[in-house]
Amino acid sequence: MASTGLSFVEDSLNNMMRDTTDLSRLRSFYILISYNFELILKSRIVMVENFTDKHSLNDRLIKLGHGIQAIAEALGNAGLQEVGISKVEKSSAQYKISTTHYQEILIEDFIKIRYDFLDDITHTVDSQEHERIKKYMDSLFLILRKVKEKNDEAKNGHGAQIE
């Protein structure tokens, strides 16, 4: 699911919206990137934690909510490192993700970007925004690839089980 969402953003940036800096159009991408990054991290929670049943799994994911910081803390430093993330820092409306390949990705807070108009938050977009998002996508796909590898290892060997 996350790979589909990220691929959609990447394809749209490359084919339909070359070099756009229109905030109303980019806002949808920020939402998709945030949501899909959350899915990527939550997939690791599903694979590394033990759940007694589907209800306990759902409760855990709901409890984590949309907070990337909370999900990152649940995975711990070692869990993040193994998928290419060295640090997650929260600011007021974004998360700064530092990768083990020395890149930085800014991920919008999912709740804040969805409801930014209620708080009169304006996102500043400059002429390089399009290129920045493309770079973020490259790093996100590296993280996604590592997560898929770790999840496959857990499925094929040991890992989370739902009874």
N, C-alpha and C. Protein backbone atom coordinates (compact mmCIF):
# COMPACT_ATOMS: atom_id res chain seq x y z
N MET A 1 0.82 -1.19 0.00
CA MET A 1 0.00 0.00 0.00
C MET A 1 0.87 1.26 0.00
N ALA A 2 1.86 1.31 0.89
CA ALA A 2 2.71 2.50 0.96
C ALA A 2 3.50 2.69 -0.32
N SER A 3 3.95 1.60 -0.93
CA SER A 3 4.71 1.74 -2.16
C SER A 3 3.84 2.32 -3.27
N THR A 4 2.57 1.97 -3.30
CA THR A 4 1.65 2.50 -4.31
C THR A 4 1.48 4.01 -4.12
N GLY A 5 1.29 4.44 -2.88
CA GLY A 5 1.12 5.86 -2.61
C GLY A 5 2.35 6.67 -2.96
N LEU A 6 3.51 6.14 -2.60
CA LEU A 6 4.76 6.85 -2.91
C LEU A 6 5.01 6.87 -4.41
N SER A 7 4.70 5.76 -5.07
CA SER A 7 4.87 5.72 -6.54
C SER A 7 3.95 6.71 -7.23
N PHE A 8 2.74 6.86 -6.72
CA PHE A 8 1.82 7.84 -7.28
C PHE A 8 2.39 9.25 -7.18
N VAL A 9 2.93 9.60 -6.02
CA VAL A 9 3.53 10.92 -5.84
C VAL A 9 4.70 11.10 -6.79
N GLU A 10 5.57 10.12 -6.85
CA GLU A 10 6.74 10.21 -7.72
C GLU A 10 6.33 10.35 -9.18
N ASP A 11 5.41 9.51 -9.63
CA ASP A 11 4.96 9.58 -11.03
C ASP A 11 4.30 10.92 -11.33
N SER A 12 3.50 11.41 -10.41
CA SER A 12 2.83 12.70 -10.62
C SER A 12 3.83 13.84 -10.71
N LEU A 13 4.82 13.81 -9.83
CA LEU A 13 5.84 14.86 -9.86
C LEU A 13 6.62 14.83 -11.17
N ASN A 14 6.91 13.64 -11.65
CA ASN A 14 7.73 13.50 -12.86
C ASN A 14 6.95 13.70 -14.16
N ASN A 15 5.70 13.33 -14.17
CA ASN A 15 4.98 13.31 -15.44
C ASN A 15 3.88 14.35 -15.58
N MET A 16 3.16 14.62 -14.52
CA MET A 16 2.00 15.50 -14.65
C MET A 16 2.25 16.91 -14.12
N MET A 17 3.15 17.03 -13.18
CA MET A 17 3.30 18.31 -12.50
C MET A 17 4.75 18.76 -12.46
N ARG A 18 5.38 18.76 -13.57
CA ARG A 18 6.79 19.13 -13.62
C ARG A 18 7.01 20.52 -13.04
N ASP A 19 7.86 20.57 -12.04
CA ASP A 19 8.32 21.82 -11.42
C ASP A 19 7.21 22.70 -10.85
N THR A 20 6.09 22.12 -10.50
CA THR A 20 5.02 22.92 -9.93
C THR A 20 5.38 23.38 -8.52
N THR A 21 5.01 24.56 -8.19
CA THR A 21 5.20 25.08 -6.84
C THR A 21 3.87 25.60 -6.30
N ASP A 22 2.79 25.15 -6.88
CA ASP A 22 1.46 25.55 -6.45
C ASP A 22 1.11 24.81 -5.16
N LEU A 23 0.96 25.56 -4.09
CA LEU A 23 0.74 24.95 -2.78
C LEU A 23 -0.52 24.10 -2.74
N SER A 24 -1.57 24.53 -3.40
CA SER A 24 -2.80 23.74 -3.35
C SER A 24 -2.60 22.37 -3.99
N ARG A 25 -1.77 22.27 -4.99
CA ARG A 25 -1.48 20.97 -5.60
C ARG A 25 -0.49 20.17 -4.77
N LEU A 26 0.53 20.83 -4.28
CA LEU A 26 1.54 20.14 -3.49
C LEU A 26 1.00 19.63 -2.16
N ARG A 27 0.01 20.31 -1.61
CA ARG A 27 -0.56 19.92 -0.32
C ARG A 27 -1.02 18.47 -0.35
N SER A 28 -1.63 18.05 -1.45
CA SER A 28 -2.05 16.65 -1.57
C SER A 28 -0.85 15.71 -1.50
N PHE A 29 0.26 16.11 -2.08
CA PHE A 29 1.47 15.29 -2.01
C PHE A 29 1.99 15.21 -0.58
N TYR A 30 1.98 16.34 0.13
CA TYR A 30 2.44 16.33 1.52
C TYR A 30 1.60 15.37 2.35
N ILE A 31 0.29 15.37 2.11
CA ILE A 31 -0.61 14.48 2.85
C ILE A 31 -0.28 13.03 2.51
N LEU A 32 -0.14 12.71 1.24
CA LEU A 32 0.17 11.34 0.82
C LEU A 32 1.52 10.87 1.36
N ILE A 33 2.51 11.72 1.30
CA ILE A 33 3.84 11.35 1.80
C ILE A 33 3.78 11.07 3.30
N SER A 34 3.12 11.93 4.04
CA SER A 34 3.01 11.74 5.48
C SER A 34 2.29 10.43 5.81
N TYR A 35 1.16 10.24 5.19
CA TYR A 35 0.36 9.04 5.44
C TYR A 35 1.14 7.77 5.08
N ASN A 36 1.79 7.76 3.94
CA ASN A 36 2.51 6.57 3.51
C ASN A 36 3.76 6.31 4.34
N PHE A 37 4.42 7.37 4.80
CA PHE A 37 5.56 7.17 5.69
C PHE A 37 5.09 6.55 7.00
N GLU A 38 3.96 7.03 7.49
CA GLU A 38 3.36 6.44 8.69
C GLU A 38 3.08 4.95 8.47
N LEU A 39 2.53 4.59 7.33
CA LEU A 39 2.25 3.17 7.03
C LEU A 39 3.53 2.34 7.01
N ILE A 40 4.57 2.90 6.44
CA ILE A 40 5.84 2.18 6.38
C ILE A 40 6.33 1.86 7.79
N LEU A 41 6.33 2.87 8.66
CA LEU A 41 6.79 2.64 10.03
C LEU A 41 5.86 1.70 10.79
N LYS A 42 4.56 1.87 10.61
CA LYS A 42 3.62 1.00 11.32
C LYS A 42 3.73 -0.45 10.85
N SER A 43 4.13 -0.66 9.61
CA SER A 43 4.31 -2.04 9.16
C SER A 43 5.41 -2.73 9.97
N ARG A 44 6.40 -1.96 10.40
CA ARG A 44 7.46 -2.54 11.24
C ARG A 44 6.91 -2.87 12.63
N ILE A 45 6.04 -2.01 13.16
CA ILE A 45 5.42 -2.30 14.46
C ILE A 45 4.68 -3.63 14.38
N VAL A 46 3.93 -3.82 13.31
CA VAL A 46 3.17 -5.06 13.12
C VAL A 46 4.10 -6.26 13.10
N MET A 47 5.26 -6.11 12.50
CA MET A 47 6.17 -7.24 12.34
C MET A 47 7.04 -7.51 13.56
N VAL A 48 7.32 -6.52 14.38
CA VAL A 48 8.26 -6.74 15.49
C VAL A 48 7.58 -6.93 16.85
N GLU A 49 6.33 -6.52 16.97
CA GLU A 49 5.65 -6.69 18.24
C GLU A 49 4.75 -7.92 18.17
N ASN A 50 4.45 -8.46 19.33
CA ASN A 50 3.58 -9.64 19.40
C ASN A 50 2.17 -9.20 19.76
N PHE A 51 1.21 -9.79 19.09
CA PHE A 51 -0.19 -9.46 19.32
C PHE A 51 -0.96 -10.75 19.55
N THR A 52 -1.88 -10.71 20.48
CA THR A 52 -2.65 -11.91 20.80
C THR A 52 -3.74 -12.16 19.77
N ASP A 53 -4.23 -11.09 19.14
CA ASP A 53 -5.28 -11.23 18.13
C ASP A 53 -5.36 -9.94 17.31
N LYS A 54 -6.24 -9.94 16.34
CA LYS A 54 -6.39 -8.76 15.49
C LYS A 54 -6.85 -7.55 16.28
N HIS A 55 -7.64 -7.78 17.30
CA HIS A 55 -8.13 -6.67 18.13
C HIS A 55 -6.96 -5.97 18.84
N SER A 56 -6.03 -6.74 19.38
CA SER A 56 -4.88 -6.13 20.05
C SER A 56 -3.98 -5.40 19.06
N LEU A 57 -3.87 -5.94 17.85
CA LEU A 57 -3.11 -5.27 16.80
C LEU A 57 -3.75 -3.93 16.45
N ASN A 58 -5.05 -3.95 16.20
CA ASN A 58 -5.76 -2.71 15.88
C ASN A 58 -5.66 -1.69 17.00
N ASP A 59 -5.83 -2.15 18.24
CA ASP A 59 -5.72 -1.24 19.39
C ASP A 59 -4.35 -0.58 19.44
N ARG A 60 -3.32 -1.35 19.19
CA ARG A 60 -1.95 -0.81 19.23
C ARG A 60 -1.75 0.27 18.17
N LEU A 61 -2.20 -0.02 16.96
CA LEU A 61 -2.02 0.93 15.86
C LEU A 61 -2.85 2.19 16.09
N ILE A 62 -4.04 2.03 16.60
CA ILE A 62 -4.89 3.20 16.91
C ILE A 62 -4.25 4.02 18.02
N LYS A 63 -3.73 3.35 19.03
CA LYS A 63 -3.08 4.07 20.14
C LYS A 63 -1.89 4.90 19.65
N LEU A 64 -1.14 4.36 18.70
CA LEU A 64 0.00 5.10 18.16
C LEU A 64 -0.47 6.32 17.38
N GLY A 65 -1.65 6.25 16.79
CA GLY A 65 -2.19 7.38 16.06
C GLY A 65 -1.35 7.74 14.84
N HIS A 66 -1.37 9.02 14.52
CA HIS A 66 -0.64 9.50 13.35
C HIS A 66 0.71 10.11 13.72
N GLY A 67 1.08 10.04 14.99
CA GLY A 67 2.33 10.66 15.44
C GLY A 67 3.56 9.87 15.05
N ILE A 68 4.27 10.35 14.09
CA ILE A 68 5.48 9.66 13.63
C ILE A 68 6.50 9.55 14.76
N GLN A 69 6.57 10.55 15.61
CA GLN A 69 7.51 10.50 16.74
C GLN A 69 7.17 9.33 17.67
N ALA A 70 5.90 9.14 17.96
CA ALA A 70 5.48 8.04 18.83
C ALA A 70 5.79 6.69 18.19
N ILE A 71 5.56 6.58 16.90
CA ILE A 71 5.84 5.33 16.18
C ILE A 71 7.34 5.06 16.19
N ALA A 72 8.13 6.12 15.96
CA ALA A 72 9.60 5.98 15.96
C ALA A 72 10.09 5.55 17.34
N GLU A 73 9.53 6.14 18.39
CA GLU A 73 9.93 5.76 19.75
C GLU A 73 9.58 4.31 20.03
N ALA A 74 8.44 3.86 19.53
CA ALA A 74 8.05 2.46 19.72
C ALA A 74 9.02 1.51 19.03
N LEU A 75 9.53 1.93 17.87
CA LEU A 75 10.51 1.10 17.15
C LEU A 75 11.88 1.13 17.81
N GLY A 76 12.20 2.24 18.46
CA GLY A 76 13.50 2.38 19.11
C GLY A 76 14.60 2.69 18.13
N ASN A 77 15.73 3.11 18.66
CA ASN A 77 16.86 3.49 17.81
C ASN A 77 17.33 2.34 16.93
N ALA A 78 17.43 1.15 17.51
CA ALA A 78 17.91 0.00 16.73
C ALA A 78 16.92 -0.34 15.61
N GLY A 79 15.65 -0.30 15.91
CA GLY A 79 14.64 -0.59 14.90
C GLY A 79 14.65 0.42 13.76
N LEU A 80 14.90 1.68 14.09
CA LEU A 80 14.98 2.71 13.05
C LEU A 80 16.25 2.55 12.23
N GLN A 81 17.36 2.31 12.90
CA GLN A 81 18.65 2.16 12.21
C GLN A 81 18.61 1.05 11.18
N GLU A 82 17.96 -0.06 11.52
CA GLU A 82 17.96 -1.20 10.60
C GLU A 82 17.17 -0.93 9.33
N VAL A 83 16.37 0.13 9.32
CA VAL A 83 15.63 0.48 8.09
C VAL A 83 16.14 1.79 7.48
N GLY A 84 17.29 2.26 7.96
CA GLY A 84 17.93 3.41 7.33
C GLY A 84 17.59 4.76 7.92
N ILE A 85 17.02 4.78 9.12
CA ILE A 85 16.68 6.05 9.77
C ILE A 85 17.57 6.22 10.98
N SER A 86 18.27 7.35 11.04
CA SER A 86 19.15 7.58 12.19
C SER A 86 18.49 8.44 13.27
N LYS A 87 17.52 9.28 12.87
CA LYS A 87 16.92 10.17 13.87
C LYS A 87 15.59 10.70 13.35
N VAL A 88 14.65 10.89 14.29
CA VAL A 88 13.37 11.51 13.99
C VAL A 88 13.19 12.66 14.99
N GLU A 89 13.02 13.86 14.45
CA GLU A 89 12.82 15.04 15.30
C GLU A 89 11.51 15.72 14.93
N LYS A 90 10.75 16.11 15.94
CA LYS A 90 9.46 16.77 15.72
C LYS A 90 9.60 18.27 15.92
N SER A 91 9.07 19.03 14.97
CA SER A 91 8.92 20.47 15.18
C SER A 91 7.42 20.73 15.28
N SER A 92 7.01 21.94 15.17
CA SER A 92 5.59 22.23 15.37
C SER A 92 4.69 21.59 14.32
N ALA A 93 5.10 21.55 13.07
CA ALA A 93 4.23 21.03 12.03
C ALA A 93 4.90 20.00 11.12
N GLN A 94 6.14 19.61 11.45
CA GLN A 94 6.88 18.68 10.60
C GLN A 94 7.73 17.74 11.44
N TYR A 95 8.16 16.69 10.79
CA TYR A 95 9.16 15.78 11.35
C TYR A 95 10.37 15.85 10.45
N LYS A 96 11.53 15.98 11.07
CA LYS A 96 12.77 15.92 10.30
C LYS A 96 13.32 14.52 10.48
N ILE A 97 13.40 13.81 9.37
CA ILE A 97 13.90 12.44 9.36
C ILE A 97 15.32 12.47 8.83
N SER A 98 16.26 12.06 9.65
CA SER A 98 17.65 11.94 9.21
C SER A 98 17.89 10.48 8.87
N THR A 99 18.50 10.24 7.72
CA THR A 99 18.71 8.87 7.28
C THR A 99 20.15 8.46 7.53
N THR A 100 20.36 7.15 7.48
CA THR A 100 21.71 6.62 7.67
C THR A 100 22.57 6.86 6.44
N HIS A 101 21.97 7.30 5.34
CA HIS A 101 22.75 7.66 4.15
C HIS A 101 22.88 9.19 4.04
N TYR A 102 22.78 9.84 5.20
CA TYR A 102 23.08 11.27 5.37
C TYR A 102 22.19 12.20 4.56
N GLN A 103 20.92 11.86 4.49
CA GLN A 103 19.93 12.72 3.86
C GLN A 103 18.94 13.16 4.93
N GLU A 104 18.25 14.24 4.65
CA GLU A 104 17.18 14.70 5.53
C GLU A 104 15.90 14.77 4.72
N ILE A 105 14.83 14.33 5.36
CA ILE A 105 13.51 14.36 4.76
C ILE A 105 12.61 15.13 5.71
N LEU A 106 11.85 16.06 5.19
CA LEU A 106 10.85 16.73 6.00
C LEU A 106 9.50 16.13 5.68
N ILE A 107 8.87 15.59 6.71
CA ILE A 107 7.56 14.97 6.59
C ILE A 107 6.57 15.83 7.37
N GLU A 108 5.51 16.22 6.71
CA GLU A 108 4.50 17.03 7.37
C GLU A 108 3.77 16.21 8.43
N ASP A 109 3.41 16.86 9.52
CA ASP A 109 2.54 16.24 10.51
C ASP A 109 1.20 15.99 9.84
N PHE A 110 0.75 14.75 9.85
CA PHE A 110 -0.45 14.35 9.10
C PHE A 110 -1.69 15.15 9.51
N ILE A 111 -1.87 15.35 10.79
CA ILE A 111 -3.05 16.10 11.27
C ILE A 111 -2.92 17.56 10.90
N LYS A 112 -1.76 18.14 11.12
CA LYS A 112 -1.58 19.57 10.85
C LYS A 112 -1.71 19.91 9.38
N ILE A 113 -1.17 19.08 8.49
CA ILE A 113 -1.26 19.39 7.07
C ILE A 113 -2.69 19.21 6.56
N ARG A 114 -3.43 18.28 7.14
CA ARG A 114 -4.82 18.09 6.72
C ARG A 114 -5.70 19.25 7.15
N TYR A 115 -5.42 19.81 8.32
CA TYR A 115 -6.28 20.85 8.87
C TYR A 115 -5.56 22.19 9.03
N ASP A 116 -4.52 22.41 8.24
CA ASP A 116 -3.74 23.65 8.37
C ASP A 116 -4.58 24.90 8.15
N PHE A 117 -5.58 24.81 7.30
CA PHE A 117 -6.43 25.97 7.02
C PHE A 117 -7.22 26.40 8.25
N LEU A 118 -7.48 25.48 9.18
CA LEU A 118 -8.21 25.84 10.40
C LEU A 118 -7.35 26.67 11.35
N ASP A 119 -6.05 26.43 11.28
CA ASP A 119 -5.11 27.14 12.16
C ASP A 119 -4.42 28.29 11.47
N ASP A 120 -4.85 28.62 10.27
CA ASP A 120 -4.22 29.67 9.47
C ASP A 120 -2.71 29.48 9.33
N ILE A 121 -2.31 28.22 9.16
CA ILE A 121 -0.90 27.91 8.94
C ILE A 121 -0.66 27.95 7.44
N THR A 122 0.31 28.73 7.06
CA THR A 122 0.64 28.77 5.64
C THR A 122 2.00 28.10 5.45
N HIS A 123 2.04 27.21 4.52
CA HIS A 123 3.26 26.50 4.20
C HIS A 123 4.01 27.32 3.16
N THR A 124 5.23 27.65 3.44
CA THR A 124 6.03 28.43 2.50
C THR A 124 6.62 27.50 1.44
N VAL A 125 6.36 27.84 0.20
CA VAL A 125 6.86 27.06 -0.92
C VAL A 125 7.73 27.96 -1.77
N ASP A 126 8.92 27.46 -2.09
CA ASP A 126 9.80 28.24 -2.96
C ASP A 126 10.01 27.48 -4.28
N SER A 127 10.82 28.02 -5.12
CA SER A 127 11.01 27.44 -6.46
C SER A 127 11.72 26.08 -6.43
N GLN A 128 12.28 25.70 -5.29
CA GLN A 128 12.99 24.42 -5.19
C GLN A 128 12.15 23.32 -4.53
N GLU A 129 10.92 23.62 -4.18
CA GLU A 129 10.08 22.66 -3.46
C GLU A 129 9.91 21.35 -4.24
N HIS A 130 9.65 21.47 -5.50
CA HIS A 130 9.45 20.30 -6.36
C HIS A 130 10.68 19.39 -6.32
N GLU A 131 11.84 19.96 -6.47
CA GLU A 131 13.09 19.19 -6.45
C GLU A 131 13.35 18.58 -5.07
N ARG A 132 13.02 19.32 -4.01
CA ARG A 132 13.20 18.78 -2.66
C ARG A 132 12.32 17.54 -2.46
N ILE A 133 11.09 17.63 -2.90
CA ILE A 133 10.18 16.48 -2.75
C ILE A 133 10.71 15.29 -3.54
N LYS A 134 11.25 15.52 -4.72
CA LYS A 134 11.83 14.41 -5.50
C LYS A 134 12.97 13.74 -4.73
N LYS A 135 13.82 14.54 -4.09
CA LYS A 135 14.91 13.98 -3.29
C LYS A 135 14.36 13.19 -2.11
N TYR A 136 13.32 13.74 -1.48
CA TYR A 136 12.70 13.02 -0.37
C TYR A 136 12.20 11.66 -0.84
N MET A 137 11.61 11.64 -2.03
CA MET A 137 11.06 10.39 -2.56
C MET A 137 12.17 9.35 -2.74
N ASP A 138 13.33 9.77 -3.23
CA ASP A 138 14.46 8.84 -3.38
C ASP A 138 14.81 8.21 -2.03
N SER A 139 14.90 9.03 -1.00
CA SER A 139 15.23 8.53 0.34
C SER A 139 14.11 7.66 0.90
N LEU A 140 12.88 8.05 0.67
CA LEU A 140 11.75 7.26 1.17
C LEU A 140 11.70 5.88 0.52
N PHE A 141 12.03 5.81 -0.76
CA PHE A 141 12.06 4.50 -1.42
C PHE A 141 13.19 3.62 -0.88
N LEU A 142 14.31 4.22 -0.49
CA LEU A 142 15.38 3.43 0.14
C LEU A 142 14.91 2.86 1.47
N ILE A 143 14.24 3.69 2.25
CA ILE A 143 13.70 3.24 3.54
C ILE A 143 12.66 2.16 3.31
N LEU A 144 11.76 2.38 2.36
CA LEU A 144 10.72 1.39 2.05
C LEU A 144 11.34 0.05 1.67
N ARG A 145 12.38 0.08 0.85
CA ARG A 145 13.04 -1.16 0.43
C ARG A 145 13.61 -1.91 1.64
N LYS A 146 14.24 -1.17 2.56
CA LYS A 146 14.80 -1.81 3.76
C LYS A 146 13.70 -2.37 4.66
N VAL A 147 12.60 -1.63 4.77
CA VAL A 147 11.47 -2.11 5.58
C VAL A 147 10.89 -3.38 4.98
N LYS A 148 10.73 -3.41 3.67
CA LYS A 148 10.21 -4.62 3.02
C LYS A 148 11.13 -5.81 3.27
N GLU A 149 12.44 -5.59 3.19
CA GLU A 149 13.39 -6.68 3.45
C GLU A 149 13.26 -7.20 4.87
N LYS A 150 13.19 -6.29 5.83
CA LYS A 150 13.07 -6.68 7.24
C LYS A 150 11.73 -7.37 7.50
N ASN A 151 10.68 -6.86 6.89
CA ASN A 151 9.36 -7.48 7.07
C ASN A 151 9.32 -8.88 6.47
N ASP A 152 9.97 -9.05 5.31
CA ASP A 152 10.04 -10.38 4.69
C ASP A 152 10.84 -11.34 5.55
N GLU A 153 11.92 -10.87 6.13
CA GLU A 153 12.71 -11.70 7.04
C GLU A 153 11.85 -12.15 8.22
N ALA A 154 11.09 -11.23 8.77
CA ALA A 154 10.24 -11.55 9.91
C ALA A 154 9.15 -12.56 9.53
N LYS A 155 8.58 -12.38 8.34
CA LYS A 155 7.53 -13.31 7.88
C LYS A 155 8.08 -14.70 7.65
N ASN A 156 9.27 -14.77 7.10
CA ASN A 156 9.83 -16.07 6.73
C ASN A 156 10.56 -16.77 7.86
N GLY A 157 10.82 -16.05 8.89
CA GLY A 157 11.54 -16.66 10.01
C GLY A 157 10.77 -16.47 11.30
N HIS A 158 11.22 -15.50 12.00
CA HIS A 158 10.58 -15.18 13.27
C HIS A 158 9.93 -13.81 13.11
N GLY A 159 9.11 -13.46 14.01
CA GLY A 159 8.47 -12.16 13.94
C GLY A 159 7.13 -12.19 14.63
N ALA A 160 6.41 -11.14 14.46
CA ALA A 160 5.14 -11.00 15.13
C ALA A 160 4.16 -12.08 14.68
N GLN A 161 3.44 -12.58 15.59
CA GLN A 161 2.44 -13.60 15.32
C GLN A 161 1.11 -13.14 15.90
N ILE A 162 0.07 -13.40 15.19
CA ILE A 162 -1.27 -13.16 15.73
C ILE A 162 -1.91 -14.51 15.88
N GLU A 163 -2.34 -14.79 17.08
CA GLU A 163 -2.93 -16.12 17.35
C GLU A 163 -4.39 -16.13 17.02
